[in-house]
C-alpha atoms as a PDB file:
ATOM      1  CA  UNK A   1      -1.094 -58.974  -0.146  1.00  0.00           C
ATOM      2  CA  UNK A   2       0.565 -56.928   2.589  1.00  0.00           C
ATOM      3  CA  UNK A   3       0.629 -53.769   0.460  1.00  0.00           C
ATOM      4  CA  UNK A   4      -3.080 -54.112  -0.203  1.00  0.00           C
ATOM      5  CA  UNK A   5      -3.731 -54.580   3.530  1.00  0.00           C
ATOM      6  CA  UNK A   6      -1.652 -51.504   4.385  1.00  0.00           C
ATOM      7  CA  UNK A   7      -3.453 -49.465   1.723  1.00  0.00           C
ATOM      8  CA  UNK A   8      -6.917 -50.391   3.079  1.00  0.00           C
ATOM      9  CA  UNK A   9      -5.934 -49.538   6.652  1.00  0.00           C
ATOM     10  CA  UNK A  10      -4.380 -46.194   5.734  1.00  0.00           C
ATOM     11  CA  UNK A  11      -7.310 -45.123   3.552  1.00  0.00           C
ATOM     12  CA  UNK A  12      -9.724 -45.964   6.369  1.00  0.00           C
ATOM     13  CA  UNK A  13      -7.914 -43.602   8.779  1.00  0.00           C
ATOM     14  CA  UNK A  14      -7.112 -40.891   6.249  1.00  0.00           C
ATOM     15  CA  UNK A  15      -8.561 -37.482   7.115  1.00  0.00           C
ATOM     16  CA  UNK A  16     -10.624 -36.063   4.253  1.00  0.00           C
ATOM     17  CA  UNK A  17     -10.558 -32.358   5.126  1.00  0.00           C
ATOM     18  CA  UNK A  18      -7.204 -31.082   6.282  1.00  0.00           C
ATOM     19  CA  UNK A  19      -6.444 -27.344   6.435  1.00  0.00           C
ATOM     20  CA  UNK A  20      -3.497 -25.966   4.502  1.00  0.00           C
ATOM     21  CA  UNK A  21      -0.678 -26.205   7.026  1.00  0.00           C
ATOM     22  CA  UNK A  22       2.715 -24.520   6.794  1.00  0.00           C
ATOM     23  CA  UNK A  23       5.735 -24.058   9.005  1.00  0.00           C
ATOM     24  CA  UNK A  24       5.244 -21.124  11.383  1.00  0.00           C
ATOM     25  CA  UNK A  25       1.445 -21.343  11.479  1.00  0.00           C
ATOM     26  CA  UNK A  26      -0.245 -21.034  14.854  1.00  0.00           C
ATOM     27  CA  UNK A  27      -2.700 -23.916  15.110  1.00  0.00           C
ATOM     28  CA  UNK A  28      -5.169 -25.282  17.609  1.00  0.00           C
ATOM     29  CA  UNK A  29      -5.255 -29.079  17.764  1.00  0.00           C
ATOM     30  CA  UNK A  30      -8.140 -30.757  19.580  1.00  0.00           C
ATOM     31  CA  UNK A  31      -6.912 -34.113  20.852  1.00  0.00           C
ATOM     32  CA  UNK A  32      -9.141 -36.844  22.286  1.00  0.00           C
ATOM     33  CA  UNK A  33      -7.976 -37.839  25.772  1.00  0.00           C
ATOM     34  CA  UNK A  34      -9.400 -40.818  27.634  1.00  0.00           C
ATOM     35  CA  UNK A  35      -9.518 -40.525  31.436  1.00  0.00           C
ATOM     36  CA  UNK A  36     -10.957 -43.617  33.046  1.00  0.00           C
ATOM     37  CA  UNK A  37     -14.183 -44.361  31.214  1.00  0.00           C
ATOM     38  CA  UNK A  38     -14.679 -40.753  30.035  1.00  0.00           C
ATOM     39  CA  UNK A  39     -13.347 -39.159  26.873  1.00  0.00           C
ATOM     40  CA  UNK A  40     -12.780 -35.417  26.538  1.00  0.00           C
ATOM     41  CA  UNK A  41     -11.156 -33.015  24.090  1.00  0.00           C
ATOM     42  CA  UNK A  42      -7.896 -31.370  25.115  1.00  0.00           C
ATOM     43  CA  UNK A  43      -6.844 -28.287  23.106  1.00  0.00           C
ATOM     44  CA  UNK A  44      -3.224 -27.551  22.284  1.00  0.00           C
ATOM     45  CA  UNK A  45      -2.446 -24.167  20.757  1.00  0.00           C
ATOM     46  CA  UNK A  46       1.033 -23.557  19.438  1.00  0.00           C
ATOM     47  CA  UNK A  47       3.355 -22.938  16.512  1.00  0.00           C
ATOM     48  CA  UNK A  48       4.226 -25.582  13.945  1.00  0.00           C
ATOM     49  CA  UNK A  49       8.023 -25.897  14.098  1.00  0.00           C
ATOM     50  CA  UNK A  50       8.382 -28.896  11.779  1.00  0.00           C
ATOM     51  CA  UNK A  51       6.488 -31.007   9.292  1.00  0.00           C
ATOM     52  CA  UNK A  52       7.627 -34.458   8.257  1.00  0.00           C
ATOM     53  CA  UNK A  53       6.472 -36.600   5.327  1.00  0.00           C
ATOM     54  CA  UNK A  54       4.103 -33.928   3.953  1.00  0.00           C
ATOM     55  CA  UNK A  55       0.354 -34.269   4.370  1.00  0.00           C
ATOM     56  CA  UNK A  56       0.164 -37.924   3.324  1.00  0.00           C
ATOM     57  CA  UNK A  57      -0.860 -40.772   5.589  1.00  0.00           C
ATOM     58  CA  UNK A  58       2.539 -40.725   7.297  1.00  0.00           C
ATOM     59  CA  UNK A  59       2.586 -36.928   7.730  1.00  0.00           C
ATOM     60  CA  UNK A  60       3.491 -35.541  11.152  1.00  0.00           C
ATOM     61  CA  UNK A  61       3.654 -32.060  12.660  1.00  0.00           C
ATOM     62  CA  UNK A  62       5.555 -30.867  15.716  1.00  0.00           C
ATOM     63  CA  UNK A  63       3.877 -28.105  17.702  1.00  0.00           C
ATOM     64  CA  UNK A  64       5.585 -25.896  20.280  1.00  0.00           C
ATOM     65  CA  UNK A  65       3.229 -24.464  22.890  1.00  0.00           C
ATOM     66  CA  UNK A  66       3.714 -22.366  26.014  1.00  0.00           C
ATOM     67  CA  UNK A  67       2.061 -23.256  29.306  1.00  0.00           C
ATOM     68  CA  UNK A  68       2.828 -20.810  32.077  1.00  0.00           C
ATOM     69  CA  UNK A  69       6.602 -20.376  32.177  1.00  0.00           C
ATOM     70  CA  UNK A  70       7.311 -23.634  30.365  1.00  0.00           C
ATOM     71  CA  UNK A  71       7.386 -24.604  26.712  1.00  0.00           C
ATOM     72  CA  UNK A  72       6.317 -28.013  25.504  1.00  0.00           C
ATOM     73  CA  UNK A  73       6.510 -29.775  22.173  1.00  0.00           C
ATOM     74  CA  UNK A  74       4.141 -32.429  20.904  1.00  0.00           C
ATOM     75  CA  UNK A  75       4.374 -34.423  17.705  1.00  0.00           C
ATOM     76  CA  UNK A  76       1.096 -35.455  16.106  1.00  0.00           C
ATOM     77  CA  UNK A  77       0.402 -37.754  13.175  1.00  0.00           C
ATOM     78  CA  UNK A  78      -1.886 -35.730  10.899  1.00  0.00           C
ATOM     79  CA  UNK A  79      -4.286 -38.606  10.237  1.00  0.00           C
ATOM     80  CA  UNK A  80      -4.425 -39.960  13.792  1.00  0.00           C
ATOM     81  CA  UNK A  81      -7.894 -40.978  15.005  1.00  0.00           C
ATOM     82  CA  UNK A  82      -7.059 -39.305  18.350  1.00  0.00           C
ATOM     83  CA  UNK A  83      -7.098 -35.863  16.717  1.00  0.00           C
ATOM     84  CA  UNK A  84     -10.627 -34.534  16.346  1.00  0.00           C
ATOM     85  CA  UNK A  85      -9.778 -31.241  14.590  1.00  0.00           C
ATOM     86  CA  UNK A  86      -6.938 -28.990  13.469  1.00  0.00           C
ATOM     87  CA  UNK A  87      -7.648 -25.281  13.053  1.00  0.00           C
ATOM     88  CA  UNK A  88      -5.216 -22.683  11.696  1.00  0.00           C
ATOM     89  CA  UNK A  89      -5.422 -19.515  13.799  1.00  0.00           C
ATOM     90  CA  UNK A  90      -2.665 -17.384  12.219  1.00  0.00           C
ATOM     91  CA  UNK A  91      -0.143 -17.628   9.412  1.00  0.00           C
ATOM     92  CA  UNK A  92       3.449 -16.466   9.835  1.00  0.00           C
ATOM     93  CA  UNK A  93       6.135 -15.670   7.323  1.00  0.00           C
ATOM     94  CA  UNK A  94       9.215 -17.784   7.980  1.00  0.00           C
ATOM     95  CA  UNK A  95      12.314 -18.492   5.914  1.00  0.00           C
ATOM     96  CA  UNK A  96      13.216 -21.927   7.252  1.00  0.00           C
ATOM     97  CA  UNK A  97      11.865 -25.432   6.725  1.00  0.00           C
ATOM     98  CA  UNK A  98      12.387 -26.352  10.382  1.00  0.00           C
ATOM     99  CA  UNK A  99      12.131 -23.854  13.236  1.00  0.00           C
ATOM    100  CA  UNK A 100      14.312 -25.723  15.717  1.00  0.00           C
ATOM    101  CA  UNK A 101      16.220 -22.513  16.495  1.00  0.00           C
ATOM    102  CA  UNK A 102      13.105 -21.254  18.315  1.00  0.00           C
ATOM    103  CA  UNK A 103      13.901 -23.702  21.137  1.00  0.00           C
ATOM    104  CA  UNK A 104      16.756 -21.456  22.316  1.00  0.00           C
ATOM    105  CA  UNK A 105      14.684 -18.270  22.082  1.00  0.00           C
ATOM    106  CA  UNK A 106      12.078 -17.031  24.532  1.00  0.00           C
ATOM    107  CA  UNK A 107       9.742 -14.063  24.689  1.00  0.00           C
ATOM    108  CA  UNK A 108       9.719 -11.589  21.807  1.00  0.00           C
ATOM    109  CA  UNK A 109      12.742 -13.206  20.170  1.00  0.00           C
ATOM    110  CA  UNK A 110      10.687 -16.295  19.385  1.00  0.00           C
ATOM    111  CA  UNK A 111       7.859 -14.327  17.757  1.00  0.00           C
ATOM    112  CA  UNK A 112       7.466 -14.406  13.975  1.00  0.00           C
ATOM    113  CA  UNK A 113       6.167 -11.986  11.362  1.00  0.00           C
ATOM    114  CA  UNK A 114       2.436 -12.551  11.003  1.00  0.00           C
ATOM    115  CA  UNK A 115       0.413 -12.665   7.822  1.00  0.00           C
ATOM    116  CA  UNK A 116      -3.139 -11.533   8.486  1.00  0.00           C
ATOM    117  CA  UNK A 117      -5.518 -13.688   6.465  1.00  0.00           C
ATOM    118  CA  UNK A 118      -9.172 -14.271   7.242  1.00  0.00           C
ATOM    119  CA  UNK A 119     -10.680 -17.739   6.958  1.00  0.00           C
ATOM    120  CA  UNK A 120     -12.060 -17.070   3.468  1.00  0.00           C
ATOM    121  CA  UNK A 121      -8.984 -15.378   1.997  1.00  0.00           C
ATOM    122  CA  UNK A 122      -6.024 -17.222   0.611  1.00  0.00           C
ATOM    123  CA  UNK A 123      -2.574 -16.020  -0.278  1.00  0.00           C
ATOM    124  CA  UNK A 124      -3.483 -16.074  -3.982  1.00  0.00           C
ATOM    125  CA  UNK A 125      -6.385 -13.688  -3.377  1.00  0.00           C
ATOM    126  CA  UNK A 126      -4.093 -11.297  -1.499  1.00  0.00           C
ATOM    127  CA  UNK A 127      -1.593 -11.327  -4.371  1.00  0.00           C
ATOM    128  CA  UNK A 128      -4.413 -10.724  -6.874  1.00  0.00           C
ATOM    129  CA  UNK A 129      -5.615  -7.705  -4.854  1.00  0.00           C
ATOM    130  CA  UNK A 130      -2.075  -6.282  -4.792  1.00  0.00           C
ATOM    131  CA  UNK A 131      -1.771  -6.696  -8.571  1.00  0.00           C
ATOM    132  CA  UNK A 132      -5.102  -4.920  -9.125  1.00  0.00           C
ATOM    133  CA  UNK A 133      -4.053  -2.061  -6.823  1.00  0.00           C
ATOM    134  CA  UNK A 134      -0.844  -1.516  -8.792  1.00  0.00           C
ATOM    135  CA  UNK A 135      -2.616  -1.578 -12.184  1.00  0.00           C
ATOM    136  CA  UNK A 136      -3.596   1.706 -13.841  1.00  0.00           C
ATOM    137  CA  UNK A 137      -7.142   3.030 -13.384  1.00  0.00           C
ATOM    138  CA  UNK A 138      -9.480   2.255 -16.309  1.00  0.00           C
ATOM    139  CA  UNK A 139      -9.870   5.952 -17.270  1.00  0.00           C
ATOM    140  CA  UNK A 140      -6.098   6.467 -17.566  1.00  0.00           C
ATOM    141  CA  UNK A 141      -5.453   3.405 -19.741  1.00  0.00           C
ATOM    142  CA  UNK A 142      -7.092   4.727 -23.008  1.00  0.00           C
ATOM    143  CA  UNK A 143      -5.287   8.078 -22.656  1.00  0.00           C
ATOM    144  CA  UNK A 144      -1.941   6.302 -22.478  1.00  0.00           C
ATOM    145  CA  UNK A 145      -2.782   4.250 -25.583  1.00  0.00           C
ATOM    146  CA  UNK A 146      -3.852   7.384 -27.519  1.00  0.00           C
ATOM    147  CA  UNK A 147      -0.642   9.185 -26.568  1.00  0.00           C
ATOM    148  CA  UNK A 148       1.373   6.219 -27.788  1.00  0.00           C
ATOM    149  CA  UNK A 149      -0.403   6.313 -31.172  1.00  0.00           C
ATOM    150  CA  UNK A 150       0.509   9.988 -31.735  1.00  0.00           C
ATOM    151  CA  UNK A 151       4.249   9.485 -31.288  1.00  0.00           C
ATOM    152  CA  UNK A 152       5.817   8.192 -34.483  1.00  0.00           C
ATOM    153  CA  UNK A 153       9.189   6.635 -34.872  1.00  0.00           C
ATOM    154  CA  UNK A 154      11.823   8.649 -36.755  1.00  0.00           C
ATOM    155  CA  UNK A 155      13.475   6.889 -39.669  1.00  0.00           C
ATOM    156  CA  UNK A 156      17.031   5.897 -38.941  1.00  0.00           C
ATOM    157  CA  UNK A 157      19.874   7.313 -40.967  1.00  0.00           C
ATOM    158  CA  UNK A 158      21.496   4.789 -43.305  1.00  0.00           C
ATOM    159  CA  UNK A 159      24.622   3.267 -41.894  1.00  0.00           C
ATOM    160  CA  UNK A 160      27.662   3.441 -44.113  1.00  0.00           C
ATOM    161  CA  UNK A 161      29.704   0.326 -44.385  1.00  0.00           C
ATOM    162  CA  UNK A 162      33.106   0.789 -42.856  1.00  0.00           C
ATOM    163  CA  UNK A 163      36.000  -1.513 -43.231  1.00  0.00           C
ATOM    164  CA  UNK A 164      37.439  -2.488 -39.880  1.00  0.00           C
ATOM    165  CA  UNK A 165      40.612  -4.291 -39.154  1.00  0.00           C
ATOM    166  CA  UNK A 166      41.111  -6.300 -36.050  1.00  0.00           C
ATOM    167  CA  UNK A 167      44.408  -7.462 -34.850  1.00  0.00           C
ATOM    168  CA  UNK A 168      44.579 -10.635 -32.914  1.00  0.00           C
ATOM    169  CA  UNK A 169      47.300 -12.700 -31.388  1.00  0.00           C
ATOM    170  CA  UNK A 170      47.752 -14.753 -34.572  1.00  0.00           C
ATOM    171  CA  UNK A 171      46.962 -12.604 -37.568  1.00  0.00           C
ATOM    172  CA  UNK A 172      45.190  -9.554 -38.888  1.00  0.00           C
ATOM    173  CA  UNK A 173      41.555 -10.094 -39.929  1.00  0.00           C
ATOM    174  CA  UNK A 174      39.438  -7.784 -42.137  1.00  0.00           C
ATOM    175  CA  UNK A 175      35.769  -7.603 -41.400  1.00  0.00           C
END
């Protein structure tokens, strides 16, 4: 009974379209803020320093943003009804699952290596383009095959059987 109730509530609040998020991405989160009787959208642009519980209904991201001379961190549930949109602005290449070390760094030290991807490209498309660039041109491929057909293997000379003796710690063995 309670599991069924929890399942219906979580599926009702589950976000259908969620961008592919990764640690180190610079994102812009539009959060709904209620001031008095008015509701407005407040943007928060920053770097994802941690993700917890994946992208499921319990998934959360922690974003580190800079305002003036101060840094601030906010933790958002991914499927919260208070979040109107999440947009990935830039991807970064990082080698950690959590970027908590960035808290002690400021300025250029806290910057990360960027991966330039447009909205339509994905990492798989970039890898495919690199593979195609490394491949041989179509005109050169038949010439290589023809050259390989001309070269013939030389027959190997017959190997004469030799009697070897090995000495070991226990006895002498003939092979």
